[in-house]
Protein backbone atom coordinates (compact mmCIF):
# COMPACT_ATOMS: atom_id res chain seq x y z
CA MET A 1 0.15 0.12 0.12
CA VAL A 2 2.67 4.69 -10.10
CA ARG A 3 0.92 2.13 -11.75
CA THR A 4 -1.96 0.63 -10.37
CA ARG A 5 -2.89 -2.78 -10.73
CA TYR A 6 -6.27 -3.74 -8.93
CA LEU A 7 -6.43 -7.36 -7.37
CA LEU A 8 -9.70 -7.60 -5.63
CA LEU A 9 -9.36 -10.72 -3.52
CA SER A 10 -10.57 -12.44 -0.66
CA LEU A 11 -9.62 -15.59 0.85
CA SER A 12 -10.06 -18.63 -1.45
CA ALA A 13 -12.57 -20.81 -0.31
CA VAL A 14 -11.27 -24.37 1.10
CA ALA A 15 -13.24 -27.57 0.99
CA GLY A 16 -12.69 -30.79 2.46
CA LEU A 17 -11.38 -32.04 6.03
CA GLY A 18 -7.99 -32.64 8.09
CA LEU A 19 -6.20 -29.40 5.61
CA PHE A 20 -5.06 -27.49 8.95
CA PRO A 21 -3.55 -28.85 11.76
CA THR A 22 -5.16 -28.35 14.78
CA GLY A 23 -3.99 -25.74 17.15
CA CYS A 24 -2.70 -23.26 15.20
CA VAL A 25 -2.57 -19.75 16.80
CA ALA A 26 -0.54 -16.75 16.39
CA SER A 27 3.12 -16.49 16.26
CA ALA A 28 6.07 -13.45 16.36
CA GLY A 29 6.39 -12.81 12.80
CA THR A 30 9.69 -12.01 11.32
CA GLY A 31 8.90 -8.42 10.05
CA ALA A 32 9.84 -5.48 12.47
CA ASP A 33 6.17 -3.95 12.48
CA THR A 34 6.35 -1.06 14.15
CA ALA A 35 3.20 1.02 13.53
CA ALA A 36 -0.08 -0.24 13.09
CA ILE A 37 -2.80 -0.33 10.98
CA GLY A 38 -5.96 0.01 13.14
CA GLY A 39 -2.82 1.55 15.83
CA SER A 40 -1.37 4.70 17.02
CA ALA A 41 0.74 5.62 13.98
CA ALA A 42 -1.97 5.76 11.45
CA SER A 43 -3.21 8.36 9.76
CA GLN A 44 -6.50 9.24 7.91
CA ALA A 45 -7.26 10.46 4.42
CA GLY A 46 -10.60 12.37 4.28
CA GLY A 47 -11.51 12.32 7.58
CA SER A 48 -10.10 12.80 11.50
CA SER A 49 -6.09 11.54 12.12
CA THR A 50 -5.35 9.37 14.75
CA THR A 51 -1.71 10.27 16.29
CA VAL A 52 1.47 8.64 17.22
CA GLY A 53 1.31 7.71 20.96
CA GLY A 54 -1.12 5.16 21.77
CA ALA A 55 -4.36 3.35 20.73
CA SER A 56 -7.52 3.43 22.56
CA SER A 57 -9.90 0.91 22.90
CA ALA A 58 -13.60 0.57 24.23
CA ASN A 59 -13.03 -2.70 24.59
CA GLY A 60 -10.24 -4.07 27.07
CA GLY A 61 -8.65 -0.84 27.48
CA GLN A 62 -5.70 -0.65 24.73
CA THR A 63 -3.33 1.77 25.76
CA GLY A 64 -0.13 0.54 24.91
CA ALA A 65 2.40 2.82 23.04
CA VAL A 66 4.34 2.09 19.86
CA GLY A 67 6.72 -0.36 20.68
CA GLY A 68 4.30 -2.36 23.49
CA SER A 69 1.29 -2.72 24.67
CA THR A 70 -0.19 -2.74 28.30
CA ALA A 71 -3.18 -4.47 27.19
CA THR A 72 -5.10 -8.00 27.89
CA PRO A 73 -7.21 -9.26 25.26
CA GLY A 74 -10.65 -8.16 25.67
CA VAL A 75 -14.11 -10.23 25.16
CA CYS A 76 -15.41 -10.67 21.50
CA LEU A 77 -17.88 -8.26 20.54
CA SER A 78 -18.58 -10.30 17.27
CA THR A 79 -19.11 -13.91 17.37
CA MET A 80 -17.03 -16.52 17.45
CA TRP A 81 -15.53 -18.83 14.47
CA THR A 82 -16.20 -22.53 15.66
CA ARG A 83 -15.69 -24.85 12.82
CA GLY A 84 -15.50 -25.29 9.11
CA GLN A 85 -12.49 -24.97 6.76
CA SER A 86 -13.49 -22.19 4.39
CA SER A 87 -12.18 -17.94 3.68
CA THR A 88 -13.94 -16.91 7.14
CA MET A 89 -11.81 -19.74 9.16
CA ARG A 90 -9.84 -19.06 12.12
CA PRO A 91 -10.13 -14.92 12.39
CA GLY A 92 -7.45 -13.15 14.39
CA GLU A 93 -4.78 -16.08 13.76
CA ALA A 94 -1.58 -16.02 12.12
CA CYS A 95 -3.03 -17.36 8.41
CA ILE A 96 0.34 -17.65 6.39
CA ASN A 97 2.29 -19.50 9.56
CA CYS A 98 -0.57 -21.63 10.09
CA HIS A 99 -1.22 -22.51 6.18
CA SER A 100 2.41 -23.14 6.03
CA GLN A 101 2.21 -25.79 7.66
CA SER A 102 -0.07 -27.72 5.37
CA SER A 103 0.95 -28.78 1.89
CA GLU A 104 -2.70 -28.99 0.98
CA ALA A 105 -3.43 -24.93 2.44
CA PRO A 106 -3.63 -22.27 0.11
CA LEU A 107 -0.31 -19.90 0.36
CA PHE A 108 -0.95 -16.48 1.40
CA VAL A 109 2.03 -13.74 0.62
CA ILE A 110 -0.58 -11.14 2.29
CA ALA A 111 -3.26 -12.20 4.90
CA GLY A 112 -4.50 -11.01 8.21
CA THR A 113 -7.82 -9.94 10.06
CA VAL A 114 -9.45 -6.66 10.23
CA TYR A 115 -11.59 -5.73 13.43
CA SER A 116 -13.61 -3.20 15.13
CA THR A 117 -11.72 -2.98 18.17
CA GLY A 118 -7.98 -3.52 19.28
CA ASP A 119 -7.98 -6.08 21.95
CA GLN A 120 -10.28 -8.73 19.84
CA PRO A 121 -9.35 -12.50 21.09
CA ASN A 122 -8.35 -15.30 18.77
CA ASP A 123 -11.45 -16.66 16.62
CA CYS A 124 -13.40 -13.91 17.16
CA ASN A 125 -14.77 -12.79 13.88
CA GLY A 126 -14.17 -9.29 12.71
CA THR A 127 -15.56 -6.57 10.26
CA ASN A 128 -15.52 -5.70 6.74
CA GLY A 129 -17.36 -2.28 7.18
CA ASN A 130 -20.80 -3.53 5.56
CA GLY A 131 -18.72 -5.00 2.50
CA ALA A 132 -16.64 -1.60 1.92
CA ALA A 133 -13.21 -1.99 3.85
CA VAL A 134 -10.09 -2.76 1.43
CA VAL A 135 -6.52 -3.93 2.37
CA VAL A 136 -4.37 -1.93 -0.23
CA ILE A 137 -0.75 -3.13 -0.34
CA THR A 138 1.69 -0.85 -2.11
CA ASP A 139 4.70 -2.70 -3.12
CA ALA A 140 8.22 -1.72 -3.69
CA ASN A 141 7.75 -1.17 -7.27
CA GLY A 142 4.94 1.23 -6.18
CA VAL A 143 2.22 -0.92 -7.81
CA GLU A 144 -1.06 -1.43 -5.47
CA HIS A 145 -2.73 -4.26 -4.64
CA ARG A 146 -6.33 -4.16 -3.57
CA ILE A 147 -7.15 -6.59 -1.20
CA SER A 148 -11.22 -7.09 0.11
CA VAL A 149 -12.43 -7.79 3.31
CA ASN A 150 -14.47 -10.62 4.13
CA GLN A 151 -17.77 -11.24 6.44
CA ALA A 152 -15.53 -12.69 9.38
CA GLY A 153 -12.70 -9.73 8.67
CA ASN A 154 -10.18 -11.87 6.96
CA PHE A 155 -8.18 -10.44 3.82
CA SER A 156 -5.65 -12.70 1.87
CA LEU A 157 -3.68 -12.09 -1.31
CA ALA A 158 -1.99 -15.44 -2.76
CA GLY A 159 0.40 -15.32 -5.75
CA ALA A 160 3.99 -14.06 -6.45
CA SER A 161 5.55 -12.61 -3.81
CA ILE A 162 4.82 -8.94 -3.23
CA PRO A 163 8.24 -6.42 -3.48
CA THR A 164 9.40 -5.54 -0.17
CA PRO A 165 9.38 -3.20 1.50
CA PHE A 166 5.66 -2.39 0.99
CA HIS A 167 3.12 -0.07 2.73
CA VAL A 168 -0.10 -1.00 3.91
CA ARG A 169 -3.36 0.61 4.70
CA VAL A 170 -7.26 0.03 4.99
CA ASP A 171 -9.38 2.13 2.88
CA LEU A 172 -13.07 2.74 4.32
CA GLY A 173 -14.85 5.04 1.91
CA THR A 174 -13.02 8.10 1.88
CA ALA A 175 -10.99 7.55 5.06
CA THR A 176 -7.75 5.56 5.62
CA ARG A 177 -5.77 4.21 8.09
CA ALA A 178 -2.06 3.19 7.42
CA MET A 179 1.06 1.99 8.73
CA ALA A 180 3.74 4.44 9.20
CA SER A 181 6.49 2.41 7.86
CA ALA A 182 7.51 -0.18 5.38
CA GLN A 183 7.18 -3.55 6.20
CA SER A 184 8.69 -6.94 4.98
CA ASN A 185 5.91 -9.70 6.63
CA GLY A 186 2.92 -10.36 5.36
CA ASP A 187 1.72 -12.58 8.00
CA CYS A 188 0.03 -9.44 9.41
CA ASN A 189 -1.85 -11.34 12.62
CA SER A 190 1.81 -12.57 13.19
CA CYS A 191 2.02 -9.06 15.01
CA HIS A 192 -1.72 -7.87 14.90
CA THR A 193 -2.35 -10.10 17.71
CA PRO A 194 -4.92 -8.75 20.96
CA THR A 195 -2.02 -7.07 22.72
CA GLY A 196 0.53 -6.33 20.09
CA LEU A 197 4.01 -8.00 19.07
CA ASN A 198 6.81 -6.27 17.20
CA GLY A 199 5.74 -2.77 17.72
CA ALA A 200 1.87 -3.59 16.94
CA PRO A 201 -0.45 -1.85 19.39
CA GLY A 202 -2.97 -4.64 18.59
CA ARG A 203 -5.47 -5.43 15.79
CA ILE A 204 -5.84 -3.94 12.37
CA LEU A 205 -8.42 -1.67 12.69
CA LEU A 206 -10.75 -0.07 10.28
CA PRO A 207 -10.23 3.46 9.58
């Protein structure tokens, strides 16, 4: 997130059983995720702006600044994923890490989940802003990759690798929330956990 290529992609639906190992959970990523989509280093286009210094959450009291978080996971404000392997499975968990453990699971270069508050627990369904949310990746060559967000808040991009470092933002109409620094780790939920890892102050949020 200038030649523009629009890829409106959602997570590929996966049929069948036994494609994913049980108990896949979020784990720390390899990239230094020093800002936040939906966190304190975000900026808004066409609306109000937030500033570096800490995200606040209406649920769970997320007050951690970039570099760490003092929050604890909150309760799910939506519904919980319970079973089934599809594009809506395991919201909030580290998708790429989990999929890499199965030879039959689709391989993504970018994947994550968008939420309405920064401390939602794993397997809690996220949000897509009534179908309007889009995650935009601008790669190192200046090419935009636009990824739709599904009803569970999940988004993914499969195919060729994205030239790094890349920039990321979430668009919702004219509002935008962007990460402050370029990234190289596409497993978004590995850093955007309920409490935040590697500098991420919690979940990816809508603008």
